[in-house]
N, C-alpha and C. Protein backbone atom coordinates (compact mmCIF):
# COMPACT_ATOMS: atom_id res chain seq x y z
N MET A 1 -28.43 48.18 64.58
CA MET A 1 -27.42 47.96 63.58
C MET A 1 -26.35 46.98 64.09
N ALA A 2 -26.81 45.91 64.66
CA ALA A 2 -25.87 44.92 65.18
C ALA A 2 -25.03 44.36 64.06
N GLY A 3 -23.75 44.13 64.36
CA GLY A 3 -22.87 43.56 63.36
C GLY A 3 -22.32 44.55 62.36
N MET A 4 -22.64 45.81 62.53
CA MET A 4 -22.14 46.81 61.60
C MET A 4 -20.68 47.14 61.93
N VAL A 5 -19.93 47.49 60.91
CA VAL A 5 -18.55 47.95 61.07
C VAL A 5 -18.60 49.48 61.03
N THR A 6 -17.98 50.10 62.03
CA THR A 6 -17.93 51.56 62.08
C THR A 6 -16.51 52.00 61.79
N ALA A 7 -16.38 52.93 60.85
CA ALA A 7 -15.08 53.50 60.53
C ALA A 7 -15.17 55.01 60.71
N ILE A 8 -14.10 55.57 61.23
CA ILE A 8 -13.99 57.01 61.41
C ILE A 8 -12.91 57.49 60.45
N VAL A 9 -13.28 58.39 59.56
CA VAL A 9 -12.33 58.88 58.56
C VAL A 9 -12.08 60.36 58.82
N MET A 10 -10.83 60.68 59.11
CA MET A 10 -10.44 62.07 59.29
C MET A 10 -9.93 62.58 57.94
N VAL A 11 -10.36 63.77 57.60
CA VAL A 11 -10.08 64.32 56.27
C VAL A 11 -9.42 65.68 56.39
N GLN A 12 -8.35 65.85 55.66
CA GLN A 12 -7.74 67.16 55.49
C GLN A 12 -8.19 67.63 54.11
N ALA A 13 -8.80 68.80 54.06
CA ALA A 13 -9.36 69.31 52.81
C ALA A 13 -8.64 70.57 52.37
N GLU A 14 -8.77 70.88 51.10
CA GLU A 14 -8.26 72.15 50.61
C GLU A 14 -8.96 73.26 51.39
N ARG A 15 -8.21 74.21 51.88
CA ARG A 15 -8.73 75.24 52.79
C ARG A 15 -9.99 75.92 52.26
N GLN A 16 -10.00 76.25 50.99
CA GLN A 16 -11.13 76.98 50.42
C GLN A 16 -12.31 76.08 50.05
N ARG A 17 -12.18 74.76 50.26
CA ARG A 17 -13.23 73.84 49.82
C ARG A 17 -13.77 72.96 50.95
N VAL A 18 -13.56 73.34 52.20
CA VAL A 18 -13.97 72.49 53.32
C VAL A 18 -15.48 72.22 53.29
N GLN A 19 -16.28 73.27 53.15
CA GLN A 19 -17.74 73.09 53.17
C GLN A 19 -18.21 72.22 52.00
N GLU A 20 -17.73 72.49 50.80
CA GLU A 20 -18.14 71.71 49.63
C GLU A 20 -17.71 70.25 49.77
N THR A 21 -16.51 70.05 50.31
CA THR A 21 -16.00 68.69 50.49
C THR A 21 -16.84 67.94 51.50
N ALA A 22 -17.17 68.60 52.61
CA ALA A 22 -18.00 67.96 53.64
C ALA A 22 -19.38 67.60 53.08
N GLU A 23 -19.96 68.49 52.31
CA GLU A 23 -21.27 68.22 51.72
C GLU A 23 -21.20 67.05 50.74
N ALA A 24 -20.13 66.98 49.96
CA ALA A 24 -19.96 65.87 49.02
C ALA A 24 -19.76 64.55 49.77
N LEU A 25 -18.99 64.58 50.85
CA LEU A 25 -18.78 63.37 51.65
C LEU A 25 -20.10 62.85 52.21
N ALA A 26 -20.97 63.76 52.61
CA ALA A 26 -22.26 63.36 53.18
C ALA A 26 -23.11 62.59 52.18
N GLY A 27 -22.83 62.76 50.90
CA GLY A 27 -23.58 62.06 49.87
C GLY A 27 -23.01 60.71 49.46
N VAL A 28 -21.88 60.33 50.04
CA VAL A 28 -21.26 59.05 49.69
C VAL A 28 -21.98 57.92 50.42
N PRO A 29 -22.36 56.84 49.72
CA PRO A 29 -23.02 55.73 50.38
C PRO A 29 -22.19 55.21 51.55
N SER A 30 -22.84 54.84 52.62
CA SER A 30 -22.26 54.33 53.87
C SER A 30 -21.74 55.42 54.78
N VAL A 31 -21.68 56.67 54.33
CA VAL A 31 -21.31 57.77 55.22
C VAL A 31 -22.57 58.18 55.97
N ARG A 32 -22.53 58.05 57.30
CA ARG A 32 -23.71 58.33 58.11
C ARG A 32 -23.69 59.72 58.75
N GLU A 33 -22.50 60.23 59.07
CA GLU A 33 -22.38 61.55 59.70
C GLU A 33 -21.11 62.21 59.19
N VAL A 34 -21.17 63.53 59.08
CA VAL A 34 -20.00 64.31 58.66
C VAL A 34 -19.94 65.55 59.56
N TYR A 35 -18.75 65.80 60.10
CA TYR A 35 -18.55 66.94 60.99
C TYR A 35 -17.38 67.78 60.49
N SER A 36 -17.50 69.10 60.55
CA SER A 36 -16.33 69.95 60.39
C SER A 36 -15.76 70.13 61.79
N VAL A 37 -14.44 70.06 61.89
CA VAL A 37 -13.79 70.06 63.20
C VAL A 37 -12.59 71.00 63.21
N THR A 38 -12.10 71.29 64.41
CA THR A 38 -10.90 72.12 64.55
C THR A 38 -9.68 71.22 64.66
N GLY A 39 -8.52 71.80 64.45
CA GLY A 39 -7.28 71.05 64.62
C GLY A 39 -6.65 70.68 63.29
N GLU A 40 -5.83 69.66 63.34
CA GLU A 40 -5.08 69.22 62.16
C GLU A 40 -5.99 68.75 61.04
N TRP A 41 -7.12 68.15 61.39
CA TRP A 41 -8.07 67.63 60.41
C TRP A 41 -9.21 68.62 60.26
N ASP A 42 -9.79 68.68 59.08
CA ASP A 42 -10.87 69.62 58.80
C ASP A 42 -12.25 68.99 58.92
N ILE A 43 -12.32 67.70 58.61
CA ILE A 43 -13.61 67.01 58.53
C ILE A 43 -13.45 65.62 59.14
N VAL A 44 -14.49 65.16 59.82
CA VAL A 44 -14.55 63.78 60.29
C VAL A 44 -15.82 63.16 59.73
N ALA A 45 -15.67 62.01 59.09
CA ALA A 45 -16.82 61.28 58.54
C ALA A 45 -16.96 59.96 59.28
N ILE A 46 -18.18 59.63 59.66
CA ILE A 46 -18.47 58.36 60.32
C ILE A 46 -19.14 57.45 59.29
N LEU A 47 -18.53 56.30 59.07
CA LEU A 47 -19.06 55.33 58.11
C LEU A 47 -19.65 54.14 58.87
N LYS A 48 -20.73 53.61 58.36
CA LYS A 48 -21.33 52.38 58.87
C LYS A 48 -21.41 51.41 57.70
N LEU A 49 -20.76 50.27 57.88
CA LEU A 49 -20.66 49.29 56.80
C LEU A 49 -21.21 47.95 57.26
N THR A 50 -21.81 47.21 56.36
CA THR A 50 -22.32 45.89 56.73
C THR A 50 -21.22 44.85 56.80
N ARG A 51 -20.15 45.07 56.03
CA ARG A 51 -19.02 44.13 56.03
C ARG A 51 -17.71 44.90 56.03
N TYR A 52 -16.72 44.34 56.70
CA TYR A 52 -15.39 44.94 56.73
C TYR A 52 -14.85 45.12 55.31
N GLU A 53 -15.12 44.16 54.46
CA GLU A 53 -14.61 44.19 53.08
C GLU A 53 -15.14 45.39 52.30
N ASP A 54 -16.26 45.96 52.72
CA ASP A 54 -16.83 47.12 52.03
C ASP A 54 -16.01 48.39 52.27
N LEU A 55 -15.16 48.38 53.27
CA LEU A 55 -14.38 49.57 53.61
C LEU A 55 -13.53 50.04 52.43
N ASP A 56 -12.88 49.12 51.78
CA ASP A 56 -12.03 49.48 50.64
C ASP A 56 -12.85 50.14 49.53
N ASP A 57 -14.03 49.58 49.24
CA ASP A 57 -14.87 50.15 48.19
C ASP A 57 -15.31 51.57 48.54
N VAL A 58 -15.67 51.78 49.79
CA VAL A 58 -16.17 53.11 50.19
C VAL A 58 -15.03 54.12 50.23
N VAL A 59 -13.91 53.74 50.85
CA VAL A 59 -12.81 54.71 51.00
C VAL A 59 -12.10 54.95 49.67
N THR A 60 -11.67 53.91 48.99
CA THR A 60 -10.94 54.13 47.74
C THR A 60 -11.87 54.40 46.57
N GLY A 61 -13.04 53.79 46.58
CA GLY A 61 -13.96 53.99 45.47
C GLY A 61 -14.88 55.17 45.63
N GLY A 62 -15.17 55.57 46.86
CA GLY A 62 -16.11 56.66 47.09
C GLY A 62 -15.44 57.93 47.56
N LEU A 63 -14.77 57.86 48.69
CA LEU A 63 -14.19 59.06 49.28
C LEU A 63 -13.09 59.67 48.43
N ARG A 64 -12.28 58.85 47.84
CA ARG A 64 -11.15 59.41 47.07
C ARG A 64 -11.60 60.12 45.79
N LYS A 65 -12.83 59.90 45.39
CA LYS A 65 -13.35 60.59 44.21
C LYS A 65 -13.88 61.98 44.55
N VAL A 66 -14.00 62.26 45.85
CA VAL A 66 -14.52 63.56 46.27
C VAL A 66 -13.44 64.62 46.09
N GLU A 67 -13.76 65.65 45.33
CA GLU A 67 -12.79 66.72 45.09
C GLU A 67 -12.58 67.54 46.35
N GLY A 68 -11.35 67.99 46.55
CA GLY A 68 -11.03 68.83 47.68
C GLY A 68 -10.33 68.10 48.81
N ILE A 69 -10.27 66.76 48.73
CA ILE A 69 -9.60 66.00 49.77
C ILE A 69 -8.10 66.00 49.49
N VAL A 70 -7.33 66.39 50.50
CA VAL A 70 -5.88 66.40 50.41
C VAL A 70 -5.30 65.12 51.00
N ARG A 71 -5.87 64.68 52.13
CA ARG A 71 -5.33 63.54 52.84
C ARG A 71 -6.40 62.96 53.75
N THR A 72 -6.34 61.65 53.99
CA THR A 72 -7.28 61.01 54.92
C THR A 72 -6.52 60.08 55.86
N GLN A 73 -7.17 59.81 56.98
CA GLN A 73 -6.71 58.77 57.90
C GLN A 73 -7.95 58.05 58.39
N THR A 74 -7.94 56.72 58.27
CA THR A 74 -9.11 55.92 58.62
C THR A 74 -8.82 55.08 59.85
N MET A 75 -9.78 55.07 60.77
CA MET A 75 -9.70 54.25 61.97
C MET A 75 -10.94 53.38 62.04
N LEU A 76 -10.79 52.16 62.55
CA LEU A 76 -11.93 51.27 62.76
C LEU A 76 -12.29 51.26 64.23
N ALA A 77 -13.56 51.35 64.53
CA ALA A 77 -14.03 51.26 65.91
C ALA A 77 -14.24 49.80 66.27
N PHE A 78 -13.79 49.41 67.45
CA PHE A 78 -14.01 48.03 67.87
C PHE A 78 -15.02 47.93 68.99
N ARG A 79 -15.41 49.03 69.60
CA ARG A 79 -16.45 49.01 70.62
C ARG A 79 -17.15 50.35 70.61
N THR A 80 -18.46 50.33 70.82
CA THR A 80 -19.25 51.55 70.85
C THR A 80 -19.69 51.83 72.28
N TYR A 81 -19.55 53.06 72.69
CA TYR A 81 -20.06 53.50 73.98
C TYR A 81 -21.09 54.57 73.70
N ASN A 82 -22.31 54.32 74.12
CA ASN A 82 -23.32 55.35 73.95
C ASN A 82 -23.80 55.82 75.32
N GLU A 83 -24.57 56.87 75.35
CA GLU A 83 -24.97 57.48 76.62
C GLU A 83 -25.69 56.49 77.52
N ALA A 84 -26.58 55.67 76.97
CA ALA A 84 -27.31 54.71 77.78
C ALA A 84 -26.36 53.71 78.42
N LEU A 85 -25.37 53.22 77.67
CA LEU A 85 -24.41 52.28 78.22
C LEU A 85 -23.53 52.94 79.27
N LEU A 86 -23.12 54.18 79.03
CA LEU A 86 -22.28 54.88 79.99
C LEU A 86 -23.04 55.12 81.29
N ASP A 87 -24.34 55.46 81.20
CA ASP A 87 -25.15 55.65 82.40
C ASP A 87 -25.23 54.38 83.22
N GLN A 88 -25.27 53.22 82.56
CA GLN A 88 -25.32 51.95 83.28
C GLN A 88 -24.07 51.76 84.12
N GLY A 89 -22.94 52.24 83.65
CA GLY A 89 -21.69 52.10 84.37
C GLY A 89 -21.69 52.79 85.72
N PHE A 90 -22.46 53.87 85.84
CA PHE A 90 -22.51 54.59 87.11
C PHE A 90 -23.37 53.87 88.13
N GLY A 91 -24.13 52.87 87.68
CA GLY A 91 -24.99 52.12 88.61
C GLY A 91 -24.36 50.84 89.09
N VAL A 92 -23.11 50.58 88.78
CA VAL A 92 -22.46 49.34 89.18
C VAL A 92 -22.43 49.26 90.71
N GLY A 93 -22.86 48.10 91.21
CA GLY A 93 -22.85 47.89 92.66
C GLY A 93 -24.12 48.34 93.35
N LEU A 94 -25.03 48.96 92.64
CA LEU A 94 -26.30 49.40 93.22
C LEU A 94 -27.40 48.45 92.80
N ASP A 95 -28.35 48.19 93.71
CA ASP A 95 -29.49 47.37 93.29
C ASP A 95 -30.44 48.25 92.50
N GLU A 96 -31.48 47.65 91.89
CA GLU A 96 -32.37 48.40 91.00
C GLU A 96 -33.03 49.58 91.70
N ALA A 97 -33.43 49.43 92.95
CA ALA A 97 -34.09 50.51 93.68
C ALA A 97 -33.14 51.70 93.88
N GLN A 98 -31.87 51.43 94.12
CA GLN A 98 -30.90 52.50 94.33
C GLN A 98 -30.56 53.20 93.03
N GLN A 99 -30.70 52.50 91.88
CA GLN A 99 -30.38 53.10 90.60
C GLN A 99 -31.43 54.08 90.15
N ARG A 100 -32.63 54.02 90.70
CA ARG A 100 -33.73 54.91 90.26
C ARG A 100 -33.70 56.20 90.94
């Protein structure tokens, strides 16, 4: 998914509607993952977009139509760290034989 824009949307939901809201968010186009979480926010949604300009359509046109949402905060990711990349960091300064 090179060139994709990743947005993280934190959602505060009506207390009695967290599960329904999370399920509805999972059905919104461009939403790739939805998590219920502890703390100030109830739900975190991970969006993958082909263009930055699509963010407005998804957040204002898609997410805001989901019933049960009280408040959102959206963040854009500028770099991705995955397990394979993090493992490479531990091999810095070692030749290939030492990394195995």
